[in-house]
Amino acid sequence: MITLYGIPNCDTMKKAKKWLENNGTEYQFHDFRKDGLEESQLKQWADELGWEILLNKRGTTWRQQSDEVKQNIDEASAIALMLEHPAMIKRPVLDTGSCRKVGFKDTEYAELLG
């Protein structure tokens, strides 16, 4: 089963959900805030994709962090921040079971999900 991870009020999440539904792709939605996220899973994603790709530096939650936090960010501190503030995880995270994709581009979803 395909799982789409994110937060429901995100515009990019809405686009990804709409694409999946319009293309007849069954999925389950996992809300980072409501359903939580295990540290082990986030570490696995960081190992596979890179923590820099997972960390959303465009959002307000990142911008609210102190300059010290921003300047000294590394994998361990990024994972801790993302667990504390799930909105800092770039979204959506699409998990097909065999691979993960961060963000949404219709052409990439089409290629990945055929």
C-alpha atoms as a PDB file:
ATOM      1  CA  MET A   1       0.000   0.000   0.000  1.00  0.00           C
ATOM      2  CA  ILE A   2       1.227   3.471  -0.890  1.00  0.00           C
ATOM      3  CA  THR A   3       1.431   5.922   1.997  1.00  0.00           C
ATOM      4  CA  LEU A   4       1.419   9.680   1.590  1.00  0.00           C
ATOM      5  CA  TYR A   5       2.957  11.489   4.564  1.00  0.00           C
ATOM      6  CA  GLY A   6       2.413  15.145   5.367  1.00  0.00           C
ATOM      7  CA  ILE A   7      -0.005  17.634   6.869  1.00  0.00           C
ATOM      8  CA  PRO A   8      -3.498  18.097   5.421  1.00  0.00           C
ATOM      9  CA  ASN A   9      -3.580  21.872   4.951  1.00  0.00           C
ATOM     10  CA  CYS A  10      -0.446  22.032   2.788  1.00  0.00           C
ATOM     11  CA  ASP A  11      -1.097  23.095  -0.821  1.00  0.00           C
ATOM     12  CA  THR A  12       1.501  20.680  -2.203  1.00  0.00           C
ATOM     13  CA  MET A  13      -0.138  17.847  -0.256  1.00  0.00           C
ATOM     14  CA  LYS A  14      -3.477  18.736  -1.797  1.00  0.00           C
ATOM     15  CA  LYS A  15      -1.951  18.607  -5.295  1.00  0.00           C
ATOM     16  CA  ALA A  16      -0.383  15.209  -4.615  1.00  0.00           C
ATOM     17  CA  LYS A  17      -3.621  13.789  -3.196  1.00  0.00           C
ATOM     18  CA  LYS A  18      -5.576  15.096  -6.183  1.00  0.00           C
ATOM     19  CA  TRP A  19      -3.065  13.576  -8.620  1.00  0.00           C
ATOM     20  CA  LEU A  20      -3.216  10.190  -6.881  1.00  0.00           C
ATOM     21  CA  GLU A  21      -7.019  10.223  -6.845  1.00  0.00           C
ATOM     22  CA  ASN A  22      -7.311  11.380 -10.484  1.00  0.00           C
ATOM     23  CA  ASN A  23      -4.954   8.587 -11.544  1.00  0.00           C
ATOM     24  CA  GLY A  24      -6.796   5.882  -9.637  1.00  0.00           C
ATOM     25  CA  THR A  25      -3.934   5.257  -7.222  1.00  0.00           C
ATOM     26  CA  GLU A  26      -5.001   3.911  -3.853  1.00  0.00           C
ATOM     27  CA  TYR A  27      -3.092   5.318  -0.901  1.00  0.00           C
ATOM     28  CA  GLN A  28      -3.382   5.962   2.774  1.00  0.00           C
ATOM     29  CA  PHE A  29      -2.680   9.376   4.249  1.00  0.00           C
ATOM     30  CA  HIS A  30      -0.453   9.723   7.325  1.00  0.00           C
ATOM     31  CA  ASP A  31      -0.726  13.079   9.101  1.00  0.00           C
ATOM     32  CA  PHE A  32       2.653  13.922  10.688  1.00  0.00           C
ATOM     33  CA  ARG A  33       1.020  16.052  13.367  1.00  0.00           C
ATOM     34  CA  LYS A  34      -1.924  13.808  14.261  1.00  0.00           C
ATOM     35  CA  ASP A  35      -0.386  10.371  13.704  1.00  0.00           C
ATOM     36  CA  GLY A  36       3.205  11.225  14.672  1.00  0.00           C
ATOM     37  CA  LEU A  37       6.398   9.841  13.213  1.00  0.00           C
ATOM     38  CA  GLU A  38       8.919   7.437  14.664  1.00  0.00           C
ATOM     39  CA  GLU A  39      12.524   8.566  14.964  1.00  0.00           C
ATOM     40  CA  SER A  40      13.686   5.309  13.386  1.00  0.00           C
ATOM     41  CA  GLN A  41      11.553   5.965  10.304  1.00  0.00           C
ATOM     42  CA  LEU A  42      12.833   9.531   9.946  1.00  0.00           C
ATOM     43  CA  LYS A  43      16.425   8.278  10.284  1.00  0.00           C
ATOM     44  CA  GLN A  44      15.769   5.648   7.611  1.00  0.00           C
ATOM     45  CA  TRP A  45      14.430   8.345   5.266  1.00  0.00           C
ATOM     46  CA  ALA A  46      17.469  10.529   6.029  1.00  0.00           C
ATOM     47  CA  ASP A  47      19.799   7.626   5.226  1.00  0.00           C
ATOM     48  CA  GLU A  48      17.978   6.932   1.969  1.00  0.00           C
ATOM     49  CA  LEU A  49      17.214  10.460   0.770  1.00  0.00           C
ATOM     50  CA  GLY A  50      19.524  12.750   2.733  1.00  0.00           C
ATOM     51  CA  TRP A  51      18.448  14.869   5.701  1.00  0.00           C
ATOM     52  CA  GLU A  52      18.983  18.057   3.665  1.00  0.00           C
ATOM     53  CA  ILE A  53      16.224  16.979   1.267  1.00  0.00           C
ATOM     54  CA  LEU A  54      13.832  16.216   4.125  1.00  0.00           C
ATOM     55  CA  LEU A  55      14.360  19.480   6.002  1.00  0.00           C
ATOM     56  CA  ASN A  56      11.964  22.189   4.792  1.00  0.00           C
ATOM     57  CA  LYS A  57      13.910  25.450   4.994  1.00  0.00           C
ATOM     58  CA  ARG A  58      11.217  27.441   3.160  1.00  0.00           C
ATOM     59  CA  GLY A  59       8.562  27.266   5.860  1.00  0.00           C
ATOM     60  CA  THR A  60       7.810  29.578   8.732  1.00  0.00           C
ATOM     61  CA  THR A  61       8.827  26.978  11.316  1.00  0.00           C
ATOM     62  CA  TRP A  62      12.395  26.990   9.954  1.00  0.00           C
ATOM     63  CA  ARG A  63      12.487  30.767   9.695  1.00  0.00           C
ATOM     64  CA  GLN A  64      11.443  31.019  13.358  1.00  0.00           C
ATOM     65  CA  GLN A  65      14.517  29.070  14.478  1.00  0.00           C
ATOM     66  CA  SER A  66      17.415  30.997  15.966  1.00  0.00           C
ATOM     67  CA  ASP A  67      20.429  31.866  13.822  1.00  0.00           C
ATOM     68  CA  GLU A  68      22.500  29.592  16.061  1.00  0.00           C
ATOM     69  CA  VAL A  69      20.245  26.616  15.256  1.00  0.00           C
ATOM     70  CA  LYS A  70      20.295  27.406  11.531  1.00  0.00           C
ATOM     71  CA  GLN A  71      24.063  27.835  11.370  1.00  0.00           C
ATOM     72  CA  ASN A  72      24.858  24.682  13.331  1.00  0.00           C
ATOM     73  CA  ILE A  73      22.383  22.303  11.706  1.00  0.00           C
ATOM     74  CA  ASP A  74      23.574  18.760  11.060  1.00  0.00           C
ATOM     75  CA  GLU A  75      21.832  15.442  10.583  1.00  0.00           C
ATOM     76  CA  ALA A  76      21.262  14.740  14.282  1.00  0.00           C
ATOM     77  CA  SER A  77      19.939  18.217  15.065  1.00  0.00           C
ATOM     78  CA  ALA A  78      17.828  18.254  11.893  1.00  0.00           C
ATOM     79  CA  ILE A  79      16.185  14.951  12.823  1.00  0.00           C
ATOM     80  CA  ALA A  80      15.532  16.226  16.363  1.00  0.00           C
ATOM     81  CA  LEU A  81      13.976  19.421  14.970  1.00  0.00           C
ATOM     82  CA  MET A  82      11.799  17.536  12.476  1.00  0.00           C
ATOM     83  CA  LEU A  83      10.539  15.217  15.220  1.00  0.00           C
ATOM     84  CA  GLU A  84       9.743  18.198  17.449  1.00  0.00           C
ATOM     85  CA  HIS A  85       8.242  20.243  14.590  1.00  0.00           C
ATOM     86  CA  PRO A  86       6.800  17.887  11.937  1.00  0.00           C
ATOM     87  CA  ALA A  87       5.936  20.885   9.733  1.00  0.00           C
ATOM     88  CA  MET A  88       9.689  21.144   9.101  1.00  0.00           C
ATOM     89  CA  ILE A  89       9.591  17.928   7.088  1.00  0.00           C
ATOM     90  CA  LYS A  90       9.367  18.708   3.384  1.00  0.00           C
ATOM     91  CA  ARG A  91       6.192  17.265   1.999  1.00  0.00           C
ATOM     92  CA  PRO A  92       4.691  15.231   0.794  1.00  0.00           C
ATOM     93  CA  VAL A  93       6.717  12.112   1.406  1.00  0.00           C
ATOM     94  CA  LEU A  94       5.396   9.373  -0.870  1.00  0.00           C
ATOM     95  CA  ASP A  95       6.272   5.853   0.247  1.00  0.00           C
ATOM     96  CA  THR A  96       5.576   3.128  -2.296  1.00  0.00           C
ATOM     97  CA  GLY A  97       6.970   0.409  -0.047  1.00  0.00           C
ATOM     98  CA  SER A  98      10.075   0.014  -2.194  1.00  0.00           C
ATOM     99  CA  CYS A  99      11.111   3.666  -2.510  1.00  0.00           C
ATOM    100  CA  ARG A 100      10.396   7.117  -1.161  1.00  0.00           C
ATOM    101  CA  LYS A 101       9.921  10.440  -2.968  1.00  0.00           C
ATOM    102  CA  VAL A 102       9.920  13.888  -1.347  1.00  0.00           C
ATOM    103  CA  GLY A 103       7.902  16.726  -2.837  1.00  0.00           C
ATOM    104  CA  PHE A 104       5.416  16.590  -5.665  1.00  0.00           C
ATOM    105  CA  LYS A 105       5.881  16.824  -9.407  1.00  0.00           C
ATOM    106  CA  ASP A 106       3.227  15.213 -11.555  1.00  0.00           C
ATOM    107  CA  THR A 107       5.782  13.968 -14.070  1.00  0.00           C
ATOM    108  CA  GLU A 108       7.796  12.228 -11.337  1.00  0.00           C
ATOM    109  CA  TYR A 109       4.693  10.644  -9.834  1.00  0.00           C
ATOM    110  CA  ALA A 110       3.662   9.428 -13.291  1.00  0.00           C
ATOM    111  CA  GLU A 111       7.093   7.919 -13.875  1.00  0.00           C
ATOM    112  CA  LEU A 112       7.250   6.327 -10.428  1.00  0.00           C
ATOM    113  CA  LEU A 113       3.695   5.005 -10.329  1.00  0.00           C
ATOM    114  CA  GLY A 114       3.187   4.383 -14.046  1.00  0.00           C
END
